[in-house]
């Protein structure tokens, strides 16, 4: 019974996370990388790792580059 309760709690948590993500999408908000990863995971798709350097280059482009 303990295993079933844990699975039930996991399912409820997943439903809450997905409800929150879809509510944000319906409100016109752009999903965060974490939300995208959550959607990909729950759909059975591969979750791609994010690198720290990607953020560094994005910041560099914002400060010095064309996205300024």
PDB file of N, CA and C in Angstrom:
ATOM      1  N   UNK A   1       0.822  -1.205   0.000  1.00  0.00           N
ATOM      2  CA  UNK A   1       0.000   0.000   0.000  1.00  0.00           C
ATOM      3  C   UNK A   1       0.860   1.260   0.000  1.00  0.00           C
ATOM      4  N   UNK A   2       1.999   1.200   0.642  1.00  0.00           N
ATOM      5  CA  UNK A   2       2.888   2.355   0.706  1.00  0.00           C
ATOM      6  C   UNK A   2       3.391   2.745  -0.688  1.00  0.00           C
ATOM      7  N   UNK A   3       3.692   1.744  -1.511  1.00  0.00           N
ATOM      8  CA  UNK A   3       4.140   1.995  -2.890  1.00  0.00           C
ATOM      9  C   UNK A   3       3.028   2.668  -3.695  1.00  0.00           C
ATOM     10  N   UNK A   4       1.808   2.226  -3.510  1.00  0.00           N
ATOM     11  CA  UNK A   4       0.676   2.819  -4.226  1.00  0.00           C
ATOM     12  C   UNK A   4       0.448   4.265  -3.797  1.00  0.00           C
ATOM     13  N   UNK A   5       0.610   4.524  -2.521  1.00  0.00           N
ATOM     14  CA  UNK A   5       0.431   5.892  -2.025  1.00  0.00           C
ATOM     15  C   UNK A   5       1.500   6.811  -2.601  1.00  0.00           C
ATOM     16  N   UNK A   6       2.733   6.318  -2.702  1.00  0.00           N
ATOM     17  CA  UNK A   6       3.817   7.121  -3.268  1.00  0.00           C
ATOM     18  C   UNK A   6       3.555   7.412  -4.746  1.00  0.00           C
ATOM     19  N   UNK A   7       3.095   6.410  -5.478  1.00  0.00           N
ATOM     20  CA  UNK A   7       2.774   6.616  -6.894  1.00  0.00           C
ATOM     21  C   UNK A   7       1.630   7.596  -7.061  1.00  0.00           C
ATOM     22  N   UNK A   8       0.633   7.493  -6.187  1.00  0.00           N
ATOM     23  CA  UNK A   8      -0.504   8.414  -6.243  1.00  0.00           C
ATOM     24  C   UNK A   8      -0.053   9.848  -5.972  1.00  0.00           C
ATOM     25  N   UNK A   9       0.816  10.027  -4.974  1.00  0.00           N
ATOM     26  CA  UNK A   9       1.331  11.365  -4.665  1.00  0.00           C
ATOM     27  C   UNK A   9       2.167  11.919  -5.810  1.00  0.00           C
ATOM     28  N   UNK A  10       2.979  11.070  -6.442  1.00  0.00           N
ATOM     29  CA  UNK A  10       3.766  11.499  -7.600  1.00  0.00           C
ATOM     30  C   UNK A  10       2.861  11.945  -8.735  1.00  0.00           C
ATOM     31  N   UNK A  11       1.797  11.204  -8.955  1.00  0.00           N
ATOM     32  CA  UNK A  11       0.846  11.547 -10.029  1.00  0.00           C
ATOM     33  C   UNK A  11       0.164  12.883  -9.744  1.00  0.00           C
ATOM     34  N   UNK A  12      -0.225  13.088  -8.501  1.00  0.00           N
ATOM     35  CA  UNK A  12      -0.860  14.357  -8.132  1.00  0.00           C
ATOM     36  C   UNK A  12       0.099  15.532  -8.297  1.00  0.00           C
ATOM     37  N   UNK A  13       1.358  15.333  -7.920  1.00  0.00           N
ATOM     38  CA  UNK A  13       2.357  16.387  -8.089  1.00  0.00           C
ATOM     39  C   UNK A  13       2.555  16.701  -9.566  1.00  0.00           C
ATOM     40  N   UNK A  14       2.618  15.662 -10.402  1.00  0.00           N
ATOM     41  CA  UNK A  14       2.772  15.859 -11.843  1.00  0.00           C
ATOM     42  C   UNK A  14       1.584  16.651 -12.403  1.00  0.00           C
ATOM     43  N   UNK A  15       0.381  16.294 -11.968  1.00  0.00           N
ATOM     44  CA  UNK A  15      -0.808  17.002 -12.445  1.00  0.00           C
ATOM     45  C   UNK A  15      -0.786  18.471 -12.042  1.00  0.00           C
ATOM     46  N   UNK A  16      -0.345  18.763 -10.819  1.00  0.00           N
ATOM     47  CA  UNK A  16      -0.257  20.163 -10.362  1.00  0.00           C
ATOM     48  C   UNK A  16       0.762  20.937 -11.184  1.00  0.00           C
ATOM     49  N   UNK A  17       1.911  20.303 -11.446  1.00  0.00           N
ATOM     50  CA  UNK A  17       2.944  20.970 -12.243  1.00  0.00           C
ATOM     51  C   UNK A  17       2.434  21.262 -13.648  1.00  0.00           C
ATOM     52  N   UNK A  18       1.792  20.278 -14.259  1.00  0.00           N
ATOM     53  CA  UNK A  18       1.287  20.470 -15.623  1.00  0.00           C
ATOM     54  C   UNK A  18       0.164  21.495 -15.661  1.00  0.00           C
ATOM     55  N   UNK A  19      -0.722  21.483 -14.667  1.00  0.00           N
ATOM     56  CA  UNK A  19      -1.796  22.481 -14.603  1.00  0.00           C
ATOM     57  C   UNK A  19      -1.217  23.881 -14.540  1.00  0.00           C
ATOM     58  N   UNK A  20      -0.191  24.052 -13.731  1.00  0.00           N
ATOM     59  CA  UNK A  20       0.449  25.359 -13.587  1.00  0.00           C
ATOM     60  C   UNK A  20       1.081  25.803 -14.908  1.00  0.00           C
ATOM     61  N   UNK A  21       1.754  24.888 -15.573  1.00  0.00           N
ATOM     62  CA  UNK A  21       2.400  25.220 -16.846  1.00  0.00           C
ATOM     63  C   UNK A  21       1.357  25.602 -17.887  1.00  0.00           C
ATOM     64  N   UNK A  22       0.300  24.806 -17.993  1.00  0.00           N
ATOM     65  CA  UNK A  22      -0.721  25.112 -18.995  1.00  0.00           C
ATOM     66  C   UNK A  22      -1.479  26.393 -18.672  1.00  0.00           C
ATOM     67  N   UNK A  23      -1.646  26.694 -17.393  1.00  0.00           N
ATOM     68  CA  UNK A  23      -2.291  27.960 -17.021  1.00  0.00           C
ATOM     69  C   UNK A  23      -1.423  29.135 -17.456  1.00  0.00           C
ATOM     70  N   UNK A  24      -0.105  29.020 -17.245  1.00  0.00           N
ATOM     71  CA  UNK A  24       0.807  30.070 -17.697  1.00  0.00           C
ATOM     72  C   UNK A  24       0.735  30.239 -19.214  1.00  0.00           C
ATOM     73  N   UNK A  25       0.688  29.118 -19.939  1.00  0.00           N
ATOM     74  CA  UNK A  25       0.604  29.191 -21.401  1.00  0.00           C
ATOM     75  C   UNK A  25      -0.704  29.840 -21.843  1.00  0.00           C
ATOM     76  N   UNK A  26      -1.804  29.485 -21.182  1.00  0.00           N
ATOM     77  CA  UNK A  26      -3.094  30.080 -21.519  1.00  0.00           C
ATOM     78  C   UNK A  26      -3.124  31.577 -21.215  1.00  0.00           C
ATOM     79  N   UNK A  27      -2.359  31.985 -20.201  1.00  0.00           N
ATOM     80  CA  UNK A  27      -2.281  33.406 -19.844  1.00  0.00           C
ATOM     81  C   UNK A  27      -1.337  34.179 -20.756  1.00  0.00           C
ATOM     82  N   UNK A  28      -0.710  33.485 -21.708  1.00  0.00           N
ATOM     83  CA  UNK A  28       0.168  34.140 -22.666  1.00  0.00           C
ATOM     84  C   UNK A  28       1.597  34.313 -22.190  1.00  0.00           C
ATOM     85  N   UNK A  29       1.966  33.633 -21.122  1.00  0.00           N
ATOM     86  CA  UNK A  29       3.333  33.743 -20.606  1.00  0.00           C
ATOM     87  C   UNK A  29       4.250  32.778 -21.351  1.00  0.00           C
ATOM     88  N   UNK A  30       5.480  33.178 -21.526  1.00  0.00           N
ATOM     89  CA  UNK A  30       6.473  32.330 -22.174  1.00  0.00           C
ATOM     90  C   UNK A  30       6.979  31.333 -21.143  1.00  0.00           C
ATOM     91  N   UNK A  31       7.001  30.043 -21.480  1.00  0.00           N
ATOM     92  CA  UNK A  31       7.448  29.053 -20.496  1.00  0.00           C
ATOM     93  C   UNK A  31       8.940  29.174 -20.197  1.00  0.00           C
ATOM     94  N   UNK A  32       9.296  28.872 -18.950  1.00  0.00           N
ATOM     95  CA  UNK A  32      10.703  28.872 -18.552  1.00  0.00           C
ATOM     96  C   UNK A  32      11.351  27.586 -19.053  1.00  0.00           C
ATOM     97  N   UNK A  33      12.682  27.546 -19.009  1.00  0.00           N
ATOM     98  CA  UNK A  33      13.377  26.329 -19.401  1.00  0.00           C
ATOM     99  C   UNK A  33      12.966  25.167 -18.502  1.00  0.00           C
ATOM    100  N   UNK A  34      12.763  25.432 -17.231  1.00  0.00           N
ATOM    101  CA  UNK A  34      12.344  24.385 -16.293  1.00  0.00           C
ATOM    102  C   UNK A  34      10.969  23.830 -16.686  1.00  0.00           C
ATOM    103  N   UNK A  35      10.050  24.718 -17.076  1.00  0.00           N
ATOM    104  CA  UNK A  35       8.728  24.269 -17.500  1.00  0.00           C
ATOM    105  C   UNK A  35       8.808  23.458 -18.783  1.00  0.00           C
ATOM    106  N   UNK A  36       9.650  23.882 -19.706  1.00  0.00           N
ATOM    107  CA  UNK A  36       9.827  23.135 -20.953  1.00  0.00           C
ATOM    108  C   UNK A  36      10.388  21.752 -20.660  1.00  0.00           C
ATOM    109  N   UNK A  37      11.377  21.690 -19.767  1.00  0.00           N
ATOM    110  CA  UNK A  37      11.948  20.397 -19.392  1.00  0.00           C
ATOM    111  C   UNK A  37      10.898  19.500 -18.737  1.00  0.00           C
ATOM    112  N   UNK A  38      10.046  20.078 -17.898  1.00  0.00           N
ATOM    113  CA  UNK A  38       8.987  19.315 -17.245  1.00  0.00           C
ATOM    114  C   UNK A  38       8.014  18.763 -18.277  1.00  0.00           C
ATOM    115  N   UNK A  39       7.605  19.596 -19.223  1.00  0.00           N
ATOM    116  CA  UNK A  39       6.705  19.128 -20.286  1.00  0.00           C
ATOM    117  C   UNK A  39       7.347  18.018 -21.098  1.00  0.00           C
ATOM    118  N   UNK A  40       8.597  18.199 -21.484  1.00  0.00           N
ATOM    119  CA  UNK A  40       9.302  17.185 -22.261  1.00  0.00           C
ATOM    120  C   UNK A  40       9.383  15.869 -21.486  1.00  0.00           C
ATOM    121  N   UNK A  41       9.705  15.935 -20.194  1.00  0.00           N
ATOM    122  CA  UNK A  41       9.830  14.742 -19.370  1.00  0.00           C
ATOM    123  C   UNK A  41       8.508  13.988 -19.291  1.00  0.00           C
ATOM    124  N   UNK A  42       7.424  14.714 -19.010  1.00  0.00           N
ATOM    125  CA  UNK A  42       6.126  14.062 -18.838  1.00  0.00           C
ATOM    126  C   UNK A  42       5.527  13.577 -20.156  1.00  0.00           C
ATOM    127  N   UNK A  43       6.025  14.077 -21.274  1.00  0.00           N
ATOM    128  CA  UNK A  43       5.596  13.586 -22.587  1.00  0.00           C
ATOM    129  C   UNK A  43       6.476  12.434 -23.072  1.00  0.00           C
ATOM    130  N   UNK A  44       7.500  12.101 -22.297  1.00  0.00           N
ATOM    131  CA  UNK A  44       8.377  11.007 -22.673  1.00  0.00           C
ATOM    132  C   UNK A  44       9.464  11.400 -23.653  1.00  0.00           C
ATOM    133  N   UNK A  45       9.704  12.688 -23.798  1.00  0.00           N
ATOM    134  CA  UNK A  45      10.743  13.164 -24.704  1.00  0.00           C
ATOM    135  C   UNK A  45      12.040  13.375 -23.943  1.00  0.00           C
ATOM    136  N   UNK A  46      13.131  13.408 -24.685  1.00  0.00           N
ATOM    137  CA  UNK A  46      14.443  13.599 -24.076  1.00  0.00           C
ATOM    138  C   UNK A  46      14.568  15.029 -23.546  1.00  0.00           C
ATOM    139  N   UNK A  47      15.088  15.151 -22.339  1.00  0.00           N
ATOM    140  CA  UNK A  47      15.349  16.457 -21.735  1.00  0.00           C
ATOM    141  C   UNK A  47      16.815  16.771 -21.979  1.00  0.00           C
ATOM    142  N   UNK A  48      17.069  17.862 -22.687  1.00  0.00           N
ATOM    143  CA  UNK A  48      18.431  18.230 -23.043  1.00  0.00           C
ATOM    144  C   UNK A  48      19.070  19.039 -21.928  1.00  0.00           C
ATOM    145  N   UNK A  49      20.322  18.727 -21.601  1.00  0.00           N
ATOM    146  CA  UNK A  49      21.001  19.507 -20.563  1.00  0.00           C
ATOM    147  C   UNK A  49      21.300  20.918 -21.049  1.00  0.00           C
ATOM    148  N   UNK A  50      21.248  21.848 -20.152  1.00  0.00           N
ATOM    149  CA  UNK A  50      21.552  23.245 -20.465  1.00  0.00           C
ATOM    150  C   UNK A  50      22.960  23.529 -19.950  1.00  0.00           C
ATOM    151  N   UNK A  51      23.736  24.203 -20.751  1.00  0.00           N
ATOM    152  CA  UNK A  51      25.101  24.488 -20.336  1.00  0.00           C
ATOM    153  C   UNK A  51      25.198  25.887 -19.756  1.00  0.00           C
ATOM    154  N   UNK A  52      26.139  26.054 -18.870  1.00  0.00           N
ATOM    155  CA  UNK A  52      26.370  27.360 -18.243  1.00  0.00           C
ATOM    156  C   UNK A  52      26.880  28.348 -19.275  1.00  0.00           C
ATOM    157  N   UNK A  53      27.722  27.888 -20.195  1.00  0.00           N
ATOM    158  CA  UNK A  53      28.285  28.795 -21.191  1.00  0.00           C
ATOM    159  C   UNK A  53      27.218  29.413 -22.082  1.00  0.00           C
ATOM    160  N   UNK A  54      26.135  28.697 -22.316  1.00  0.00           N
ATOM    161  CA  UNK A  54      25.057  29.251 -23.133  1.00  0.00           C
ATOM    162  C   UNK A  54      24.534  30.541 -22.500  1.00  0.00           C
ATOM    163  N   UNK A  55      24.365  30.526 -21.184  1.00  0.00           N
ATOM    164  CA  UNK A  55      23.905  31.722 -20.478  1.00  0.00           C
ATOM    165  C   UNK A  55      24.945  32.836 -20.533  1.00  0.00           C
ATOM    166  N   UNK A  56      26.214  32.459 -20.444  1.00  0.00           N
ATOM    167  CA  UNK A  56      27.289  33.455 -20.506  1.00  0.00           C
ATOM    168  C   UNK A  56      27.291  34.144 -21.871  1.00  0.00           C
ATOM    169  N   UNK A  57      27.181  33.357 -22.944  1.00  0.00           N
ATOM    170  CA  UNK A  57      27.169  33.941 -24.287  1.00  0.00           C
ATOM    171  C   UNK A  57      25.916  34.792 -24.511  1.00  0.00           C
ATOM    172  N   UNK A  58      24.799  34.367 -23.945  1.00  0.00           N
ATOM    173  CA  UNK A  58      23.570  35.157 -24.066  1.00  0.00           C
ATOM    174  C   UNK A  58      23.749  36.511 -23.378  1.00  0.00           C
ATOM    175  N   UNK A  59      24.318  36.496 -22.162  1.00  0.00           N
ATOM    176  CA  UNK A  59      24.581  37.747 -21.449  1.00  0.00           C
ATOM    177  C   UNK A  59      25.572  38.623 -22.207  1.00  0.00           C
ATOM    178  N   UNK A  60      26.599  38.012 -22.758  1.00  0.00           N
ATOM    179  CA  UNK A  60      27.602  38.751 -23.539  1.00  0.00           C
ATOM    180  C   UNK A  60      26.932  39.439 -24.732  1.00  0.00           C
ATOM    181  N   UNK A  61      26.053  38.689 -25.426  1.00  0.00           N
ATOM    182  CA  UNK A  61      25.342  39.251 -26.571  1.00  0.00           C
ATOM    183  C   UNK A  61      24.420  40.389 -26.171  1.00  0.00           C
ATOM    184  N   UNK A  62      23.813  40.256 -25.011  1.00  0.00           N
ATOM    185  CA  UNK A  62      22.918  41.313 -24.532  1.00  0.00           C
ATOM    186  C   UNK A  62      23.689  42.580 -24.185  1.00  0.00           C
ATOM    187  N   UNK A  63      24.858  42.413 -23.610  1.00  0.00           N
ATOM    188  CA  UNK A  63      25.651  43.567 -23.172  1.00  0.00           C
ATOM    189  C   UNK A  63      26.389  44.217 -24.336  1.00  0.00           C
ATOM    190  N   UNK A  64      27.026  43.372 -25.179  1.00  0.00           N
ATOM    191  CA  UNK A  64      27.917  43.918 -26.213  1.00  0.00           C
ATOM    192  C   UNK A  64      27.435  43.693 -27.650  1.00  0.00           C
ATOM    193  N   UNK A  65      26.492  42.793 -27.836  1.00  0.00           N
ATOM    194  CA  UNK A  65      26.168  42.377 -29.198  1.00  0.00           C
ATOM    195  C   UNK A  65      24.913  42.970 -29.763  1.00  0.00           C
ATOM    196  N   UNK A  66      24.395  42.266 -30.754  1.00  0.00           N
ATOM    197  CA  UNK A  66      23.250  42.732 -31.528  1.00  0.00           C
ATOM    198  C   UNK A  66      21.955  42.729 -30.732  1.00  0.00           C
ATOM    199  N   UNK A  67      21.899  41.935 -29.668  1.00  0.00           N
ATOM    200  CA  UNK A  67      20.661  41.895 -28.867  1.00  0.00           C
ATOM    201  C   UNK A  67      20.619  42.976 -27.817  1.00  0.00           C
ATOM    202  N   UNK A  68      21.549  43.909 -27.896  1.00  0.00           N
ATOM    203  CA  UNK A  68      21.690  44.996 -26.934  1.00  0.00           C
ATOM    204  C   UNK A  68      20.505  45.939 -26.997  1.00  0.00           C
TER     205      UNK A  68
END
